[in-house]
Amino acid sequence: MGRPDGKKLKNLGVEYLVGAHVMAERTDAMNMITIDLPEAPMREYLNRKRKEGKRYSHLSLILAAMVRAFAEYPQLNRFVVNKRIYARNEIAVGMVVLKGGKIDGVGTTSKMKFPPDATIDTINEIISKYIDENRQEDEVNATDKLAEFLCSAPGLLRVAANLVKWLDKHNWCPKSIIEASPFHCSIILTDLASIKTNSIHHHIYNFGTTSISLAMGNLREVPVRKKGEVTFERCLPLGIVTDDRIASGNILGLAFRKFQKYLMHPEVLENPPEKIVTEI
């Protein structure tokens, strides 16, 4: 039986099939790394665009570069369910937003969807709309409604969670639940810098289909050797966790190097990608 959020991939290499069986759970296959992204190119770009009347953010740049990497390396958008590897049919990013924009406020989680040909302008519009809608204290999104319902009766949450896990494992989970679930997305993004916190490696969940997590933290000074001298460079640390089963180390390395290249030259993101690669 097919899934509403992706298509099963066939004719994959033996290493993928073996990996999916040996590492049965997503947490068995977590790879973690922190990338220090030079902040100067991003800051210069943001300041230049601000003078033109466009207010972008580091978050907009990170997501624009990531969506572009997904468009060129669709392997990033794979997920594993019940030892089978699927290609996701959309680029969806889950992110927590604090109600009222308060650090001590209640957080709500939903997800944004991006077209693979999105430019920085498109990305920024989607993010701004998402934050504005979810920040309203009187607004309740589909994820919150589902959570409130499941917590409304004693024992209901436990029974429902086990049932949804079973349905998801057998590809019987309704599309409406997958749409509302923040655990069924391409990326979980955590902007810890917004609450003045250092970067971490945010776990990926066994439940759901998320294969990548990104965690932005406070800016920090990183020692860099240039022309025989050690200098300190202001960087934005990005904690990355990936599911090792979705792609080879070579593919992941190429994809994240391209991601970093885009952030060194953000103006490239003002135009759609020259080519979009798909697996389905």
C-alpha atoms as a PDB file:
ATOM      1  CA  MET A   1       0.000   0.000   0.000  1.00  0.00           C
ATOM      2  CA  GLY A   2       1.293   3.459  -0.911  1.00  0.00           C
ATOM      3  CA  ARG A   3       1.793   6.456   1.369  1.00  0.00           C
ATOM      4  CA  PRO A   4       0.261   9.921   0.884  1.00  0.00           C
ATOM      5  CA  ASP A   5       3.577  11.629   1.701  1.00  0.00           C
ATOM      6  CA  GLY A   6       6.013   9.697  -0.454  1.00  0.00           C
ATOM      7  CA  LYS A   7       6.844   6.880  -2.829  1.00  0.00           C
ATOM      8  CA  LYS A   8       8.805   3.731  -2.042  1.00  0.00           C
ATOM      9  CA  LEU A   9      12.172   3.670  -3.801  1.00  0.00           C
ATOM     10  CA  LYS A  10      13.201   0.547  -5.672  1.00  0.00           C
ATOM     11  CA  ASN A  11      16.516  -0.593  -7.142  1.00  0.00           C
ATOM     12  CA  LEU A  12      18.564   0.999  -4.368  1.00  0.00           C
ATOM     13  CA  GLY A  13      22.043  -0.293  -3.580  1.00  0.00           C
ATOM     14  CA  VAL A  14      22.555  -3.208  -1.221  1.00  0.00           C
ATOM     15  CA  GLU A  15      24.076  -0.890   1.401  1.00  0.00           C
ATOM     16  CA  TYR A  16      20.746   0.942   1.732  1.00  0.00           C
ATOM     17  CA  LEU A  17      18.772  -2.265   2.181  1.00  0.00           C
ATOM     18  CA  VAL A  18      21.223  -3.651   4.735  1.00  0.00           C
ATOM     19  CA  GLY A  19      21.387  -0.340   6.610  1.00  0.00           C
ATOM     20  CA  ALA A  20      17.613  -0.083   6.895  1.00  0.00           C
ATOM     21  CA  HIS A  21      17.458  -3.541   8.488  1.00  0.00           C
ATOM     22  CA  VAL A  22      20.529  -3.365  10.719  1.00  0.00           C
ATOM     23  CA  MET A  23      19.579   0.107  11.988  1.00  0.00           C
ATOM     24  CA  ALA A  24      15.891  -0.520  12.572  1.00  0.00           C
ATOM     25  CA  GLU A  25      15.214   2.742  14.429  1.00  0.00           C
ATOM     26  CA  ARG A  26      15.982   6.290  13.334  1.00  0.00           C
ATOM     27  CA  THR A  27      17.903   6.907  16.549  1.00  0.00           C
ATOM     28  CA  ASP A  28      20.183   3.964  15.673  1.00  0.00           C
ATOM     29  CA  ALA A  29      21.274   5.818  12.542  1.00  0.00           C
ATOM     30  CA  MET A  30      21.851   9.372  13.795  1.00  0.00           C
ATOM     31  CA  ASN A  31      24.946  11.146  12.466  1.00  0.00           C
ATOM     32  CA  MET A  32      25.811  14.475  14.105  1.00  0.00           C
ATOM     33  CA  ILE A  33      28.021  17.383  13.118  1.00  0.00           C
ATOM     34  CA  THR A  34      28.266  21.109  13.808  1.00  0.00           C
ATOM     35  CA  ILE A  35      29.028  23.445  10.912  1.00  0.00           C
ATOM     36  CA  ASP A  36      30.337  26.920  11.700  1.00  0.00           C
ATOM     37  CA  LEU A  37      28.917  29.212   9.023  1.00  0.00           C
ATOM     38  CA  PRO A  38      30.899  32.457   8.497  1.00  0.00           C
ATOM     39  CA  GLU A  39      28.503  35.228   9.437  1.00  0.00           C
ATOM     40  CA  ALA A  40      30.150  38.093   7.523  1.00  0.00           C
ATOM     41  CA  PRO A  41      28.815  37.162   4.040  1.00  0.00           C
ATOM     42  CA  MET A  42      25.318  36.712   5.453  1.00  0.00           C
ATOM     43  CA  ARG A  43      25.430  39.933   7.456  1.00  0.00           C
ATOM     44  CA  GLU A  44      26.731  41.942   4.477  1.00  0.00           C
ATOM     45  CA  TYR A  45      23.968  40.530   2.283  1.00  0.00           C
ATOM     46  CA  LEU A  46      21.239  41.169   4.868  1.00  0.00           C
ATOM     47  CA  ASN A  47      22.425  44.759   5.370  1.00  0.00           C
ATOM     48  CA  ARG A  48      22.558  45.375   1.630  1.00  0.00           C
ATOM     49  CA  LYS A  49      19.029  44.046   1.098  1.00  0.00           C
ATOM     50  CA  ARG A  50      17.748  46.043   4.080  1.00  0.00           C
ATOM     51  CA  LYS A  51      18.925  49.225   2.356  1.00  0.00           C
ATOM     52  CA  GLU A  52      16.861  48.102  -0.642  1.00  0.00           C
ATOM     53  CA  GLY A  53      13.801  47.805   1.596  1.00  0.00           C
ATOM     54  CA  LYS A  54      13.856  43.995   1.976  1.00  0.00           C
ATOM     55  CA  ARG A  55      14.094  42.572   5.482  1.00  0.00           C
ATOM     56  CA  TYR A  56      15.502  39.065   5.416  1.00  0.00           C
ATOM     57  CA  SER A  57      16.890  37.139   8.394  1.00  0.00           C
ATOM     58  CA  HIS A  58      19.549  34.517   9.053  1.00  0.00           C
ATOM     59  CA  LEU A  59      16.667  32.044   9.298  1.00  0.00           C
ATOM     60  CA  SER A  60      15.484  32.985   5.797  1.00  0.00           C
ATOM     61  CA  LEU A  61      18.979  32.465   4.398  1.00  0.00           C
ATOM     62  CA  ILE A  62      19.469  29.109   6.141  1.00  0.00           C
ATOM     63  CA  LEU A  63      16.163  27.757   4.858  1.00  0.00           C
ATOM     64  CA  ALA A  64      16.631  29.181   1.354  1.00  0.00           C
ATOM     65  CA  ALA A  65      20.026  27.484   1.081  1.00  0.00           C
ATOM     66  CA  MET A  66      18.612  24.251   2.487  1.00  0.00           C
ATOM     67  CA  VAL A  67      15.621  24.175   0.135  1.00  0.00           C
ATOM     68  CA  ARG A  68      18.015  24.781  -2.765  1.00  0.00           C
ATOM     69  CA  ALA A  69      20.148  21.840  -1.603  1.00  0.00           C
ATOM     70  CA  PHE A  70      17.012  19.666  -1.488  1.00  0.00           C
ATOM     71  CA  ALA A  71      16.170  20.704  -5.063  1.00  0.00           C
ATOM     72  CA  GLU A  72      19.595  19.561  -6.247  1.00  0.00           C
ATOM     73  CA  TYR A  73      20.066  16.555  -3.959  1.00  0.00           C
ATOM     74  CA  PRO A  74      16.663  14.852  -3.514  1.00  0.00           C
ATOM     75  CA  GLN A  75      18.312  12.128  -1.443  1.00  0.00           C
ATOM     76  CA  LEU A  76      18.096  14.578   1.470  1.00  0.00           C
ATOM     77  CA  ASN A  77      14.316  14.299   1.284  1.00  0.00           C
ATOM     78  CA  ARG A  78      14.135  10.547   1.763  1.00  0.00           C
ATOM     79  CA  PHE A  79      12.752   8.841   4.849  1.00  0.00           C
ATOM     80  CA  VAL A  80      12.608   5.328   6.268  1.00  0.00           C
ATOM     81  CA  VAL A  81       9.475   3.608   7.566  1.00  0.00           C
ATOM     82  CA  ASN A  82       9.316  -0.070   8.520  1.00  0.00           C
ATOM     83  CA  LYS A  83      12.763  -0.711   6.951  1.00  0.00           C
ATOM     84  CA  ARG A  84      11.622   0.700   3.605  1.00  0.00           C
ATOM     85  CA  ILE A  85      13.092   3.839   2.032  1.00  0.00           C
ATOM     86  CA  TYR A  86      10.776   6.451   0.519  1.00  0.00           C
ATOM     87  CA  ALA A  87      11.181   9.651  -1.492  1.00  0.00           C
ATOM     88  CA  ARG A  88       9.096  12.431   0.026  1.00  0.00           C
ATOM     89  CA  ASN A  89       6.750  14.268  -2.339  1.00  0.00           C
ATOM     90  CA  GLU A  90       7.149  17.718  -0.748  1.00  0.00           C
ATOM     91  CA  ILE A  91       9.649  19.874   1.135  1.00  0.00           C
ATOM     92  CA  ALA A  92       8.187  20.466   4.599  1.00  0.00           C
ATOM     93  CA  VAL A  93       9.919  22.075   7.580  1.00  0.00           C
ATOM     94  CA  GLY A  94       8.677  21.839  11.163  1.00  0.00           C
ATOM     95  CA  MET A  95       9.507  24.676  13.557  1.00  0.00           C
ATOM     96  CA  VAL A  96       8.408  25.830  17.008  1.00  0.00           C
ATOM     97  CA  VAL A  97       7.039  29.373  17.329  1.00  0.00           C
ATOM     98  CA  LEU A  98       6.578  31.042  20.722  1.00  0.00           C
ATOM     99  CA  LYS A  99       3.098  32.460  21.255  1.00  0.00           C
ATOM    100  CA  GLY A 100       3.225  36.223  21.556  1.00  0.00           C
ATOM    101  CA  GLY A 101       6.927  36.147  20.709  1.00  0.00           C
ATOM    102  CA  LYS A 102       7.761  35.811  24.429  1.00  0.00           C
ATOM    103  CA  ILE A 103      10.745  33.751  25.569  1.00  0.00           C
ATOM    104  CA  ASP A 104       8.675  32.360  28.457  1.00  0.00           C
ATOM    105  CA  GLY A 105       5.615  31.910  26.246  1.00  0.00           C
ATOM    106  CA  VAL A 106       3.907  28.699  25.165  1.00  0.00           C
ATOM    107  CA  GLY A 107       5.430  27.137  22.066  1.00  0.00           C
ATOM    108  CA  THR A 108       3.421  25.807  19.145  1.00  0.00           C
ATOM    109  CA  THR A 109       4.708  23.544  16.398  1.00  0.00           C
ATOM    110  CA  SER A 110       3.474  23.283  12.852  1.00  0.00           C
ATOM    111  CA  LYS A 111       5.195  23.057   9.487  1.00  0.00           C
ATOM    112  CA  MET A 112       5.949  25.157   6.436  1.00  0.00           C
ATOM    113  CA  LYS A 113       5.967  23.865   2.875  1.00  0.00           C
ATOM    114  CA  PHE A 114       8.306  25.158   0.197  1.00  0.00           C
ATOM    115  CA  PRO A 115       8.310  24.646  -3.582  1.00  0.00           C
ATOM    116  CA  PRO A 116      11.657  23.265  -4.849  1.00  0.00           C
ATOM    117  CA  ASP A 117      12.068  26.258  -7.184  1.00  0.00           C
ATOM    118  CA  ALA A 118      11.656  28.776  -4.340  1.00  0.00           C
ATOM    119  CA  THR A 119      13.816  31.906  -4.267  1.00  0.00           C
ATOM    120  CA  ILE A 120      14.890  33.797  -1.146  1.00  0.00           C
ATOM    121  CA  ASP A 121      11.880  36.105  -1.612  1.00  0.00           C
ATOM    122  CA  THR A 122       9.460  33.162  -1.663  1.00  0.00           C
ATOM    123  CA  ILE A 123      11.133  31.563   1.350  1.00  0.00           C
ATOM    124  CA  ASN A 124      11.031  34.803   3.329  1.00  0.00           C
ATOM    125  CA  GLU A 125       7.329  35.342   2.581  1.00  0.00           C
ATOM    126  CA  ILE A 126       6.424  31.813   3.679  1.00  0.00           C
ATOM    127  CA  ILE A 127       8.435  32.104   6.910  1.00  0.00           C
ATOM    128  CA  SER A 128       6.999  35.531   7.773  1.00  0.00           C
ATOM    129  CA  LYS A 129       3.433  34.328   7.215  1.00  0.00           C
ATOM    130  CA  TYR A 130       4.057  31.154   9.224  1.00  0.00           C
ATOM    131  CA  ILE A 131       5.508  33.037  12.203  1.00  0.00           C
ATOM    132  CA  ASP A 132       2.812  35.731  12.153  1.00  0.00           C
ATOM    133  CA  GLU A 133      -0.004  33.154  12.066  1.00  0.00           C
ATOM    134  CA  ASN A 134       1.415  30.902  14.780  1.00  0.00           C
ATOM    135  CA  ARG A 135       2.552  33.711  17.067  1.00  0.00           C
ATOM    136  CA  GLN A 136      -1.015  34.940  17.623  1.00  0.00           C
ATOM    137  CA  GLU A 137      -2.026  33.868  21.129  1.00  0.00           C
ATOM    138  CA  ASP A 138      -5.666  33.356  20.156  1.00  0.00           C
ATOM    139  CA  GLU A 139      -4.854  31.227  17.089  1.00  0.00           C
ATOM    140  CA  VAL A 140      -4.879  27.417  17.262  1.00  0.00           C
ATOM    141  CA  ASN A 141      -3.330  25.484  14.371  1.00  0.00           C
ATOM    142  CA  ALA A 142      -4.187  21.956  13.237  1.00  0.00           C
ATOM    143  CA  THR A 143      -1.334  20.455  15.254  1.00  0.00           C
ATOM    144  CA  ASP A 144      -2.499  22.124  18.468  1.00  0.00           C
ATOM    145  CA  LYS A 145      -6.103  21.041  17.860  1.00  0.00           C
ATOM    146  CA  LEU A 146      -5.025  17.429  17.410  1.00  0.00           C
ATOM    147  CA  ALA A 147      -2.856  17.543  20.553  1.00  0.00           C
ATOM    148  CA  GLU A 148      -5.641  19.110  22.632  1.00  0.00           C
ATOM    149  CA  PHE A 149      -8.097  16.444  21.486  1.00  0.00           C
ATOM    150  CA  LEU A 150      -5.711  13.591  22.326  1.00  0.00           C
ATOM    151  CA  CYS A 151      -5.118  15.034  25.809  1.00  0.00           C
ATOM    152  CA  SER A 152      -8.816  15.608  26.488  1.00  0.00           C
ATOM    153  CA  ALA A 153      -9.509  12.213  28.090  1.00  0.00           C
ATOM    154  CA  PRO A 154      -7.444   9.994  30.431  1.00  0.00           C
ATOM    155  CA  GLY A 155      -5.569   7.288  28.515  1.00  0.00           C
ATOM    156  CA  LEU A 156      -6.655   8.589  25.102  1.00  0.00           C
ATOM    157  CA  LEU A 157      -3.216   9.980  24.246  1.00  0.00           C
ATOM    158  CA  ARG A 158      -1.448   6.687  24.982  1.00  0.00           C
ATOM    159  CA  VAL A 159      -3.922   4.633  22.965  1.00  0.00           C
ATOM    160  CA  ALA A 160      -3.987   7.114  20.079  1.00  0.00           C
ATOM    161  CA  ALA A 161      -0.188   7.429  19.933  1.00  0.00           C
ATOM    162  CA  ASN A 162       0.260   3.659  19.773  1.00  0.00           C
ATOM    163  CA  LEU A 163      -2.471   3.370  17.148  1.00  0.00           C
ATOM    164  CA  VAL A 164      -0.994   6.117  14.948  1.00  0.00           C
ATOM    165  CA  LYS A 165       2.466   4.536  15.194  1.00  0.00           C
ATOM    166  CA  TRP A 166       1.032   1.203  14.081  1.00  0.00           C
ATOM    167  CA  LEU A 167      -0.946   2.770  11.236  1.00  0.00           C
ATOM    168  CA  ASP A 168       2.088   4.755  10.096  1.00  0.00           C
ATOM    169  CA  LYS A 169       4.293   1.665  10.121  1.00  0.00           C
ATOM    170  CA  HIS A 170       1.860  -0.124   7.807  1.00  0.00           C
ATOM    171  CA  ASN A 171       1.201   2.923   5.561  1.00  0.00           C
ATOM    172  CA  TRP A 172      -2.398   3.224   6.762  1.00  0.00           C
ATOM    173  CA  CYS A 173      -2.047   6.540   8.563  1.00  0.00           C
ATOM    174  CA  PRO A 174      -4.659   9.010   7.211  1.00  0.00           C
ATOM    175  CA  LYS A 175      -3.357  11.955   5.207  1.00  0.00           C
ATOM    176  CA  SER A 176      -5.112  14.362   7.593  1.00  0.00           C
ATOM    177  CA  ILE A 177      -3.008  13.123  10.525  1.00  0.00           C
ATOM    178  CA  ILE A 178       0.211  13.238   8.501  1.00  0.00           C
ATOM    179  CA  GLU A 179      -0.632  16.806   7.454  1.00  0.00           C
ATOM    180  CA  ALA A 180      -1.173  17.869  11.075  1.00  0.00           C
ATOM    181  CA  SER A 181       1.799  15.960  12.487  1.00  0.00           C
ATOM    182  CA  PRO A 182       5.031  17.964  12.996  1.00  0.00           C
ATOM    183  CA  PHE A 183       6.864  14.620  13.086  1.00  0.00           C
ATOM    184  CA  HIS A 184       6.174  14.006   9.388  1.00  0.00           C
ATOM    185  CA  CYS A 185       8.393  16.512   7.607  1.00  0.00           C
ATOM    186  CA  SER A 186      11.694  16.887   5.772  1.00  0.00           C
ATOM    187  CA  ILE A 187      13.455  18.918   8.471  1.00  0.00           C
ATOM    188  CA  ILE A 188      12.924  19.893  12.082  1.00  0.00           C
ATOM    189  CA  LEU A 189      14.437  23.354  12.534  1.00  0.00           C
ATOM    190  CA  THR A 190      15.260  24.861  15.919  1.00  0.00           C
ATOM    191  CA  ASP A 191      16.264  28.535  16.100  1.00  0.00           C
ATOM    192  CA  LEU A 192      17.910  28.628  19.524  1.00  0.00           C
ATOM    193  CA  ALA A 193      19.566  31.961  18.746  1.00  0.00           C
ATOM    194  CA  SER A 194      16.107  33.537  19.004  1.00  0.00           C
ATOM    195  CA  ILE A 195      16.071  32.617  22.708  1.00  0.00           C
ATOM    196  CA  LYS A 196      19.766  33.460  23.188  1.00  0.00           C
ATOM    197  CA  THR A 197      20.874  29.831  23.510  1.00  0.00           C
ATOM    198  CA  ASN A 198      23.875  27.980  22.112  1.00  0.00           C
ATOM    199  CA  SER A 199      23.555  25.453  19.312  1.00  0.00           C
ATOM    200  CA  ILE A 200      22.803  21.799  20.074  1.00  0.00           C
ATOM    201  CA  HIS A 201      22.326  18.563  18.156  1.00  0.00           C
ATOM    202  CA  HIS A 202      18.555  18.145  18.212  1.00  0.00           C
ATOM    203  CA  HIS A 203      17.508  14.510  18.060  1.00  0.00           C
ATOM    204  CA  ILE A 204      15.382  13.113  15.254  1.00  0.00           C
ATOM    205  CA  TYR A 205      12.358  11.075  16.290  1.00  0.00           C
ATOM    206  CA  ASN A 206      11.719   7.362  15.819  1.00  0.00           C
ATOM    207  CA  PHE A 207       8.075   8.282  15.274  1.00  0.00           C
ATOM    208  CA  GLY A 208       7.208   9.969  12.005  1.00  0.00           C
ATOM    209  CA  THR A 209       9.381  10.512   8.953  1.00  0.00           C
ATOM    210  CA  THR A 210      11.799  13.348   9.747  1.00  0.00           C
ATOM    211  CA  SER A 211      15.334  12.494   8.611  1.00  0.00           C
ATOM    212  CA  ILE A 212      17.160  15.779   9.305  1.00  0.00           C
ATOM    213  CA  SER A 213      17.252  18.246  12.177  1.00  0.00           C
ATOM    214  CA  LEU A 214      18.955  21.648  12.157  1.00  0.00           C
ATOM    215  CA  ALA A 215      19.631  23.752  15.253  1.00  0.00           C
ATOM    216  CA  MET A 216      20.840  27.358  14.941  1.00  0.00           C
ATOM    217  CA  GLY A 217      22.584  28.788  17.989  1.00  0.00           C
ATOM    218  CA  ASN A 218      24.175  31.978  19.273  1.00  0.00           C
ATOM    219  CA  LEU A 219      26.919  33.502  17.139  1.00  0.00           C
ATOM    220  CA  ARG A 220      30.413  32.590  18.321  1.00  0.00           C
ATOM    221  CA  GLU A 221      34.066  33.340  17.568  1.00  0.00           C
ATOM    222  CA  VAL A 222      35.877  30.476  15.820  1.00  0.00           C
ATOM    223  CA  PRO A 223      39.692  30.296  15.381  1.00  0.00           C
ATOM    224  CA  VAL A 224      40.672  30.188  11.695  1.00  0.00           C
ATOM    225  CA  ARG A 225      44.163  29.975  10.181  1.00  0.00           C
ATOM    226  CA  LYS A 226      44.702  32.489   7.358  1.00  0.00           C
ATOM    227  CA  LYS A 227      48.077  33.099   5.699  1.00  0.00           C
ATOM    228  CA  GLY A 228      49.915  31.434   8.546  1.00  0.00           C
ATOM    229  CA  GLU A 229      48.155  33.421  11.250  1.00  0.00           C
ATOM    230  CA  VAL A 230      45.304  32.428  13.533  1.00  0.00           C
ATOM    231  CA  THR A 231      42.409  34.862  13.554  1.00  0.00           C
ATOM    232  CA  PHE A 232      38.933  34.655  15.038  1.00  0.00           C
ATOM    233  CA  GLU A 233      35.944  34.577  12.710  1.00  0.00           C
ATOM    234  CA  ARG A 234      32.386  35.322  13.795  1.00  0.00           C
ATOM    235  CA  CYS A 235      30.280  32.292  12.860  1.00  0.00           C
ATOM    236  CA  LEU A 236      26.744  30.987  13.138  1.00  0.00           C
ATOM    237  CA  PRO A 237      26.930  27.412  14.497  1.00  0.00           C
ATOM    238  CA  LEU A 238      24.488  24.959  12.967  1.00  0.00           C
ATOM    239  CA  GLY A 239      23.991  21.609  14.679  1.00  0.00           C
ATOM    240  CA  ILE A 240      23.013  18.979  12.111  1.00  0.00           C
ATOM    241  CA  VAL A 241      21.609  15.499  12.734  1.00  0.00           C
ATOM    242  CA  THR A 242      20.846  13.171   9.818  1.00  0.00           C
ATOM    243  CA  ASP A 243      19.467   9.680   9.368  1.00  0.00           C
ATOM    244  CA  ASP A 244      22.432   7.726   7.987  1.00  0.00           C
ATOM    245  CA  ARG A 245      20.127   5.377   6.072  1.00  0.00           C
ATOM    246  CA  ILE A 246      18.778   7.923   3.566  1.00  0.00           C
ATOM    247  CA  ALA A 247      21.948   8.686   1.599  1.00  0.00           C
ATOM    248  CA  SER A 248      25.639   7.874   1.355  1.00  0.00           C
ATOM    249  CA  GLY A 249      28.189   9.977   3.194  1.00  0.00           C
ATOM    250  CA  ASN A 250      29.435  11.224  -0.171  1.00  0.00           C
ATOM    251  CA  ILE A 251      26.015  12.570  -1.164  1.00  0.00           C
ATOM    252  CA  LEU A 252      25.440  14.183   2.220  1.00  0.00           C
ATOM    253  CA  GLY A 253      28.891  15.761   2.110  1.00  0.00           C
ATOM    254  CA  LEU A 254      28.324  17.187  -1.377  1.00  0.00           C
ATOM    255  CA  ALA A 255      24.884  18.504  -0.432  1.00  0.00           C
ATOM    256  CA  PHE A 256      26.028  20.301   2.712  1.00  0.00           C
ATOM    257  CA  ARG A 257      29.098  21.738   0.984  1.00  0.00           C
ATOM    258  CA  LYS A 258      26.762  23.194  -1.634  1.00  0.00           C
ATOM    259  CA  PHE A 259      24.544  24.471   1.174  1.00  0.00           C
ATOM    260  CA  GLN A 260      27.518  26.293   2.706  1.00  0.00           C
ATOM    261  CA  LYS A 261      28.536  27.679  -0.692  1.00  0.00           C
ATOM    262  CA  TYR A 262      25.116  29.292  -1.101  1.00  0.00           C
ATOM    263  CA  LEU A 263      25.483  31.006   2.264  1.00  0.00           C
ATOM    264  CA  MET A 264      28.854  32.403   1.198  1.00  0.00           C
ATOM    265  CA  HIS A 265      27.150  33.859  -1.895  1.00  0.00           C
ATOM    266  CA  PRO A 266      23.482  34.424  -0.895  1.00  0.00           C
ATOM    267  CA  GLU A 267      22.698  36.485  -4.010  1.00  0.00           C
ATOM    268  CA  VAL A 268      22.534  33.198  -5.948  1.00  0.00           C
ATOM    269  CA  LEU A 269      19.357  32.388  -4.013  1.00  0.00           C
ATOM    270  CA  GLU A 270      17.544  35.349  -5.583  1.00  0.00           C
ATOM    271  CA  ASN A 271      17.022  33.263  -8.735  1.00  0.00           C
ATOM    272  CA  PRO A 272      15.311  29.859  -9.095  1.00  0.00           C
ATOM    273  CA  PRO A 273      17.590  26.799  -9.394  1.00  0.00           C
ATOM    274  CA  GLU A 274      18.885  26.098 -12.884  1.00  0.00           C
ATOM    275  CA  LYS A 275      17.802  22.475 -12.537  1.00  0.00           C
ATOM    276  CA  ILE A 276      15.584  20.539 -10.142  1.00  0.00           C
ATOM    277  CA  VAL A 277      16.456  16.879  -9.613  1.00  0.00           C
ATOM    278  CA  THR A 278      13.648  14.521  -8.585  1.00  0.00           C
ATOM    279  CA  GLU A 279      13.349  10.869  -7.614  1.00  0.00           C
ATOM    280  CA  ILE A 280       9.582  10.577  -8.129  1.00  0.00           C
END
